[in-house]
C-alpha cells in the first residue's frame, strides 16, 4: 500500500488535522488512561495516539472507513457504545456530533457519559455566520448521502453545545474557539473544542 506522504497519511491536510486534534487531546491525558475515539473515521487520530500513548486506545464508528490500522476497532450503532460503564478514562468525539440525527443526539451523549470515567473531549464545527452555515449544511448533506441516511441533523453554535452538554449530565470544564486556519486551510470553518467532566 503506498501513501502520498512518507509517514502514512493520504494527504498533508489529513496529517495537519490529525496532529491538531492530538495537540488538544494529549495534554489532558494521564499516562495509563484508556482512551476511546468515537466516530474514528479514517482512523488517523487513534492510529497516531496508539503509537504515542502508553494506555489503551479504542476506536469505534458506524462504518469502517479507516485508512490505517487502529487497535481495538469495533462497529457500533451510533448510540450504544460496546463498553462497560465507566470503562474509558477519556472519550474523544472529533467532528462527530453534527452528523448524529438531532433526535438521537441526547441518547448518543448519554451513552458517552455512561462509559466515560473522567472527561470527554469534543471538537465540533460551530457556525458563526451565514457562510459557515451554508458550508456546514453542504458538508452534512454530502456525508448523509454517503451513508444512505435522510435523518435530520444539525450544527450547533458553541453556546448551544455548552447548553446541550450541561443539560445532559456534563460540566463544561473548558470551551474554546479553534482558529479557522488551524486545520485544513481549504476548509476555514468556524470550530470549537470542549472538555466535559461528568457531573
C-alpha atoms as a PDB file:
ATOM      1  CA  UNK A   1       0.000   0.000   0.000  1.00  0.00           C
ATOM      2  CA  UNK A   2       1.507   3.357  -0.980  1.00  0.00           C
ATOM      3  CA  UNK A   3       0.771   6.739   0.537  1.00  0.00           C
ATOM      4  CA  UNK A   4       1.263  10.293  -0.762  1.00  0.00           C
ATOM      5  CA  UNK A   5       3.123  11.261   2.436  1.00  0.00           C
ATOM      6  CA  UNK A   6       6.128   9.411   3.807  1.00  0.00           C
ATOM      7  CA  UNK A   7       4.629   8.928   7.258  1.00  0.00           C
ATOM      8  CA  UNK A   8       1.422   7.174   6.194  1.00  0.00           C
ATOM      9  CA  UNK A   9      -1.170   9.937   5.700  1.00  0.00           C
ATOM     10  CA  UNK A  10      -3.144  10.190   2.468  1.00  0.00           C
ATOM     11  CA  UNK A  11      -2.629  13.971   2.349  1.00  0.00           C
ATOM     12  CA  UNK A  12      -0.815  16.803   4.095  1.00  0.00           C
ATOM     13  CA  UNK A  13      -4.214  18.150   5.195  1.00  0.00           C
ATOM     14  CA  UNK A  14      -5.068  14.855   6.922  1.00  0.00           C
ATOM     15  CA  UNK A  15      -1.711  14.949   8.680  1.00  0.00           C
ATOM     16  CA  UNK A  16      -2.230  18.546   9.844  1.00  0.00           C
ATOM     17  CA  UNK A  17      -5.772  17.825  11.081  1.00  0.00           C
ATOM     18  CA  UNK A  18      -4.595  14.729  12.972  1.00  0.00           C
ATOM     19  CA  UNK A  19      -1.797  16.470  14.814  1.00  0.00           C
ATOM     20  CA  UNK A  20      -4.004  19.445  15.596  1.00  0.00           C
ATOM     21  CA  UNK A  21      -6.531  17.102  17.230  1.00  0.00           C
ATOM     22  CA  UNK A  22      -3.743  15.406  19.175  1.00  0.00           C
ATOM     23  CA  UNK A  23      -2.473  18.810  20.361  1.00  0.00           C
ATOM     24  CA  UNK A  24      -5.826  19.365  22.076  1.00  0.00           C
ATOM     25  CA  UNK A  25      -6.231  15.833  23.430  1.00  0.00           C
ATOM     26  CA  UNK A  26      -2.778  14.769  24.629  1.00  0.00           C
ATOM     27  CA  UNK A  27      -2.282  17.483  27.294  1.00  0.00           C
ATOM     28  CA  UNK A  28      -5.411  16.167  29.017  1.00  0.00           C
ATOM     29  CA  UNK A  29      -4.281  12.532  29.152  1.00  0.00           C
ATOM     30  CA  UNK A  30      -2.709  10.720  32.066  1.00  0.00           C
ATOM     31  CA  UNK A  31      -0.062   8.080  31.251  1.00  0.00           C
ATOM     32  CA  UNK A  32      -2.232   4.979  31.685  1.00  0.00           C
ATOM     33  CA  UNK A  33      -5.579   6.403  30.543  1.00  0.00           C
ATOM     34  CA  UNK A  34      -7.811   4.238  28.386  1.00  0.00           C
ATOM     35  CA  UNK A  35      -8.884   6.473  25.514  1.00  0.00           C
ATOM     36  CA  UNK A  36     -11.899   5.894  23.277  1.00  0.00           C
ATOM     37  CA  UNK A  37     -12.161   7.587  19.868  1.00  0.00           C
ATOM     38  CA  UNK A  38     -15.874   7.644  18.976  1.00  0.00           C
ATOM     39  CA  UNK A  39     -16.515   8.089  15.263  1.00  0.00           C
ATOM     40  CA  UNK A  40     -12.858   7.498  14.403  1.00  0.00           C
ATOM     41  CA  UNK A  41     -13.451   7.893  10.643  1.00  0.00           C
ATOM     42  CA  UNK A  42     -10.179   7.473   8.742  1.00  0.00           C
ATOM     43  CA  UNK A  43      -8.564   6.302  11.984  1.00  0.00           C
ATOM     44  CA  UNK A  44      -5.562   8.610  11.880  1.00  0.00           C
ATOM     45  CA  UNK A  45      -6.006  10.051  15.373  1.00  0.00           C
ATOM     46  CA  UNK A  46      -6.388   6.648  17.071  1.00  0.00           C
ATOM     47  CA  UNK A  47      -3.512   5.243  14.978  1.00  0.00           C
ATOM     48  CA  UNK A  48      -1.141   8.045  15.957  1.00  0.00           C
ATOM     49  CA  UNK A  49      -2.293   8.119  19.569  1.00  0.00           C
ATOM     50  CA  UNK A  50      -1.655   4.380  19.918  1.00  0.00           C
ATOM     51  CA  UNK A  51       1.961   4.991  18.921  1.00  0.00           C
ATOM     52  CA  UNK A  52       2.419   7.885  21.368  1.00  0.00           C
ATOM     53  CA  UNK A  53       0.318   6.942  24.416  1.00  0.00           C
ATOM     54  CA  UNK A  54       1.060   4.227  26.961  1.00  0.00           C
ATOM     55  CA  UNK A  55      -2.573   3.423  27.795  1.00  0.00           C
ATOM     56  CA  UNK A  56      -5.117   1.526  25.697  1.00  0.00           C
ATOM     57  CA  UNK A  57      -6.606   3.236  22.656  1.00  0.00           C
ATOM     58  CA  UNK A  58     -10.037   2.086  21.452  1.00  0.00           C
ATOM     59  CA  UNK A  59     -11.907   3.173  18.337  1.00  0.00           C
ATOM     60  CA  UNK A  60     -15.495   2.796  17.102  1.00  0.00           C
ATOM     61  CA  UNK A  61     -17.554   4.020  14.177  1.00  0.00           C
ATOM     62  CA  UNK A  62     -20.846   3.191  12.447  1.00  0.00           C
ATOM     63  CA  UNK A  63     -18.973   2.140   9.288  1.00  0.00           C
ATOM     64  CA  UNK A  64     -15.398   1.044   8.753  1.00  0.00           C
ATOM     65  CA  UNK A  65     -13.730   3.701   6.598  1.00  0.00           C
ATOM     66  CA  UNK A  66     -10.293   3.540   8.211  1.00  0.00           C
ATOM     67  CA  UNK A  67      -7.315   4.304   6.030  1.00  0.00           C
ATOM     68  CA  UNK A  68      -4.832   2.951   8.577  1.00  0.00           C
ATOM     69  CA  UNK A  69      -4.947   0.070  11.066  1.00  0.00           C
ATOM     70  CA  UNK A  70      -6.142   1.043  14.520  1.00  0.00           C
ATOM     71  CA  UNK A  71      -6.023  -1.037  17.687  1.00  0.00           C
ATOM     72  CA  UNK A  72      -9.244  -2.362  19.186  1.00  0.00           C
ATOM     73  CA  UNK A  73     -11.666  -1.195  16.491  1.00  0.00           C
ATOM     74  CA  UNK A  74     -15.390  -2.052  16.658  1.00  0.00           C
ATOM     75  CA  UNK A  75     -18.509  -1.115  14.746  1.00  0.00           C
ATOM     76  CA  UNK A  76     -21.410   0.325  16.744  1.00  0.00           C
ATOM     77  CA  UNK A  77     -24.948   1.575  16.082  1.00  0.00           C
ATOM     78  CA  UNK A  78     -24.261   5.266  16.680  1.00  0.00           C
ATOM     79  CA  UNK A  79     -25.821   5.345  20.145  1.00  0.00           C
ATOM     80  CA  UNK A  80     -24.937   2.299  22.257  1.00  0.00           C
ATOM     81  CA  UNK A  81     -21.196   2.012  22.820  1.00  0.00           C
ATOM     82  CA  UNK A  82     -19.958  -1.583  23.278  1.00  0.00           C
ATOM     83  CA  UNK A  83     -18.183  -0.895  26.569  1.00  0.00           C
ATOM     84  CA  UNK A  84     -18.917  -1.230  30.272  1.00  0.00           C
ATOM     85  CA  UNK A  85     -19.923   1.686  32.464  1.00  0.00           C
ATOM     86  CA  UNK A  86     -17.001   3.998  33.376  1.00  0.00           C
ATOM     87  CA  UNK A  87     -14.575   1.807  31.424  1.00  0.00           C
ATOM     88  CA  UNK A  88     -12.848   4.620  29.485  1.00  0.00           C
ATOM     89  CA  UNK A  89     -10.925   7.391  31.194  1.00  0.00           C
ATOM     90  CA  UNK A  90     -11.189   9.765  28.243  1.00  0.00           C
ATOM     91  CA  UNK A  91     -13.632   9.757  25.333  1.00  0.00           C
ATOM     92  CA  UNK A  92     -12.918  11.779  22.176  1.00  0.00           C
ATOM     93  CA  UNK A  93     -15.595  12.920  19.736  1.00  0.00           C
ATOM     94  CA  UNK A  94     -13.924  14.715  16.834  1.00  0.00           C
ATOM     95  CA  UNK A  95     -16.356  16.398  14.458  1.00  0.00           C
ATOM     96  CA  UNK A  96     -18.880  13.636  15.019  1.00  0.00           C
ATOM     97  CA  UNK A  97     -21.900  15.040  16.836  1.00  0.00           C
ATOM     98  CA  UNK A  98     -23.132  17.241  13.987  1.00  0.00           C
ATOM     99  CA  UNK A  99     -23.609  14.045  11.970  1.00  0.00           C
ATOM    100  CA  UNK A 100     -25.787  12.449  14.663  1.00  0.00           C
ATOM    101  CA  UNK A 101     -29.507  12.933  13.915  1.00  0.00           C
ATOM    102  CA  UNK A 102     -30.986  15.601  16.166  1.00  0.00           C
ATOM    103  CA  UNK A 103     -33.454  13.272  17.854  1.00  0.00           C
ATOM    104  CA  UNK A 104     -30.707  10.792  18.800  1.00  0.00           C
ATOM    105  CA  UNK A 105     -28.078  13.313  19.941  1.00  0.00           C
ATOM    106  CA  UNK A 106     -29.258  13.095  23.601  1.00  0.00           C
ATOM    107  CA  UNK A 107     -29.052   9.290  23.590  1.00  0.00           C
ATOM    108  CA  UNK A 108     -25.606   9.274  21.980  1.00  0.00           C
ATOM    109  CA  UNK A 109     -24.249  11.768  24.508  1.00  0.00           C
ATOM    110  CA  UNK A 110     -25.887   9.894  27.394  1.00  0.00           C
ATOM    111  CA  UNK A 111     -24.031   6.740  26.403  1.00  0.00           C
ATOM    112  CA  UNK A 112     -20.754   8.641  26.220  1.00  0.00           C
ATOM    113  CA  UNK A 113     -21.476   9.816  29.769  1.00  0.00           C
ATOM    114  CA  UNK A 114     -22.142   6.192  30.781  1.00  0.00           C
ATOM    115  CA  UNK A 115     -18.785   4.837  29.564  1.00  0.00           C
ATOM    116  CA  UNK A 116     -16.524   7.793  30.405  1.00  0.00           C
ATOM    117  CA  UNK A 117     -14.742   7.818  33.751  1.00  0.00           C
ATOM    118  CA  UNK A 118     -13.107  11.259  33.740  1.00  0.00           C
ATOM    119  CA  UNK A 119     -13.507  13.599  30.753  1.00  0.00           C
ATOM    120  CA  UNK A 120     -14.914  13.770  27.242  1.00  0.00           C
ATOM    121  CA  UNK A 121     -13.133  15.933  24.676  1.00  0.00           C
ATOM    122  CA  UNK A 122     -15.307  17.221  21.854  1.00  0.00           C
ATOM    123  CA  UNK A 123     -14.285  19.041  18.669  1.00  0.00           C
ATOM    124  CA  UNK A 124     -17.122  20.453  16.596  1.00  0.00           C
ATOM    125  CA  UNK A 125     -17.985  22.676  13.657  1.00  0.00           C
ATOM    126  CA  UNK A 126     -19.749  25.615  15.309  1.00  0.00           C
ATOM    127  CA  UNK A 127     -21.131  28.053  12.725  1.00  0.00           C
ATOM    128  CA  UNK A 128     -20.877  31.763  13.471  1.00  0.00           C
ATOM    129  CA  UNK A 129     -22.385  33.272  10.336  1.00  0.00           C
ATOM    130  CA  UNK A 130     -24.392  32.555   7.169  1.00  0.00           C
ATOM    131  CA  UNK A 131     -21.348  31.376   5.210  1.00  0.00           C
ATOM    132  CA  UNK A 132     -20.415  28.865   7.927  1.00  0.00           C
ATOM    133  CA  UNK A 133     -23.978  27.539   7.974  1.00  0.00           C
ATOM    134  CA  UNK A 134     -24.037  27.173   4.191  1.00  0.00           C
ATOM    135  CA  UNK A 135     -20.827  25.144   4.039  1.00  0.00           C
ATOM    136  CA  UNK A 136     -21.742  23.133   7.143  1.00  0.00           C
ATOM    137  CA  UNK A 137     -25.058  22.198   5.530  1.00  0.00           C
ATOM    138  CA  UNK A 138     -23.356  21.106   2.311  1.00  0.00           C
ATOM    139  CA  UNK A 139     -20.837  19.055   4.275  1.00  0.00           C
ATOM    140  CA  UNK A 140     -23.597  17.405   6.312  1.00  0.00           C
ATOM    141  CA  UNK A 141     -25.695  16.596   3.251  1.00  0.00           C
ATOM    142  CA  UNK A 142     -22.718  15.028   1.466  1.00  0.00           C
ATOM    143  CA  UNK A 143     -21.932  12.848   4.488  1.00  0.00           C
ATOM    144  CA  UNK A 144     -25.532  11.706   4.921  1.00  0.00           C
ATOM    145  CA  UNK A 145     -25.704  10.727   1.235  1.00  0.00           C
ATOM    146  CA  UNK A 146     -22.512   8.725   1.651  1.00  0.00           C
ATOM    147  CA  UNK A 147     -24.082   6.616   4.421  1.00  0.00           C
ATOM    148  CA  UNK A 148     -27.551   6.458   2.835  1.00  0.00           C
ATOM    149  CA  UNK A 149     -29.327   8.476   5.532  1.00  0.00           C
ATOM    150  CA  UNK A 150     -32.046  11.097   5.275  1.00  0.00           C
ATOM    151  CA  UNK A 151     -32.401  11.734   9.027  1.00  0.00           C
ATOM    152  CA  UNK A 152     -32.393  15.394  10.089  1.00  0.00           C
ATOM    153  CA  UNK A 153     -29.184  16.597  11.703  1.00  0.00           C
ATOM    154  CA  UNK A 154     -27.874  19.877  12.977  1.00  0.00           C
ATOM    155  CA  UNK A 155     -24.850  22.055  13.541  1.00  0.00           C
ATOM    156  CA  UNK A 156     -24.994  23.934  16.835  1.00  0.00           C
ATOM    157  CA  UNK A 157     -23.169  27.095  17.850  1.00  0.00           C
ATOM    158  CA  UNK A 158     -20.538  26.987  20.587  1.00  0.00           C
ATOM    159  CA  UNK A 159     -23.017  28.376  23.117  1.00  0.00           C
ATOM    160  CA  UNK A 160     -25.740  25.915  22.038  1.00  0.00           C
ATOM    161  CA  UNK A 161     -23.353  22.990  22.579  1.00  0.00           C
ATOM    162  CA  UNK A 162     -22.404  24.315  26.017  1.00  0.00           C
ATOM    163  CA  UNK A 163     -26.082  24.436  26.944  1.00  0.00           C
ATOM    164  CA  UNK A 164     -26.714  20.998  25.448  1.00  0.00           C
ATOM    165  CA  UNK A 165     -23.828  19.353  27.330  1.00  0.00           C
ATOM    166  CA  UNK A 166     -24.836  20.968  30.621  1.00  0.00           C
ATOM    167  CA  UNK A 167     -28.397  19.686  30.161  1.00  0.00           C
ATOM    168  CA  UNK A 168     -27.146  16.133  29.579  1.00  0.00           C
ATOM    169  CA  UNK A 169     -25.020  15.490  32.639  1.00  0.00           C
ATOM    170  CA  UNK A 170     -21.717  17.170  31.840  1.00  0.00           C
ATOM    171  CA  UNK A 171     -19.966  20.163  33.344  1.00  0.00           C
ATOM    172  CA  UNK A 172     -18.228  22.207  30.651  1.00  0.00           C
ATOM    173  CA  UNK A 173     -14.742  22.475  32.148  1.00  0.00           C
ATOM    174  CA  UNK A 174     -13.288  24.215  29.095  1.00  0.00           C
ATOM    175  CA  UNK A 175     -14.711  25.684  25.909  1.00  0.00           C
ATOM    176  CA  UNK A 176     -12.685  27.463  23.267  1.00  0.00           C
ATOM    177  CA  UNK A 177     -12.619  28.511  19.653  1.00  0.00           C
ATOM    178  CA  UNK A 178     -10.387  26.823  17.105  1.00  0.00           C
ATOM    179  CA  UNK A 179      -8.733  29.170  14.626  1.00  0.00           C
ATOM    180  CA  UNK A 180     -10.193  28.956  11.140  1.00  0.00           C
ATOM    181  CA  UNK A 181      -6.802  28.081   9.648  1.00  0.00           C
ATOM    182  CA  UNK A 182      -5.572  25.818  12.450  1.00  0.00           C
ATOM    183  CA  UNK A 183      -6.614  22.785  10.434  1.00  0.00           C
ATOM    184  CA  UNK A 184      -7.105  22.300   6.670  1.00  0.00           C
ATOM    185  CA  UNK A 185      -6.704  25.751   5.122  1.00  0.00           C
ATOM    186  CA  UNK A 186      -9.099  24.786   2.314  1.00  0.00           C
ATOM    187  CA  UNK A 187     -11.870  24.379   4.911  1.00  0.00           C
ATOM    188  CA  UNK A 188     -11.686  27.513   7.087  1.00  0.00           C
ATOM    189  CA  UNK A 189     -14.814  26.653   9.058  1.00  0.00           C
ATOM    190  CA  UNK A 190     -15.683  28.022  12.473  1.00  0.00           C
ATOM    191  CA  UNK A 191     -14.903  25.326  15.024  1.00  0.00           C
ATOM    192  CA  UNK A 192     -14.773  24.902  18.792  1.00  0.00           C
ATOM    193  CA  UNK A 193     -13.439  22.395  21.324  1.00  0.00           C
ATOM    194  CA  UNK A 194     -14.854  21.377  24.680  1.00  0.00           C
ATOM    195  CA  UNK A 195     -13.585  19.493  27.702  1.00  0.00           C
ATOM    196  CA  UNK A 196     -16.505  17.920  29.553  1.00  0.00           C
ATOM    197  CA  UNK A 197     -16.436  16.472  33.055  1.00  0.00           C
ATOM    198  CA  UNK A 198     -19.096  14.144  34.408  1.00  0.00           C
ATOM    199  CA  UNK A 199     -21.297  15.887  36.940  1.00  0.00           C
END
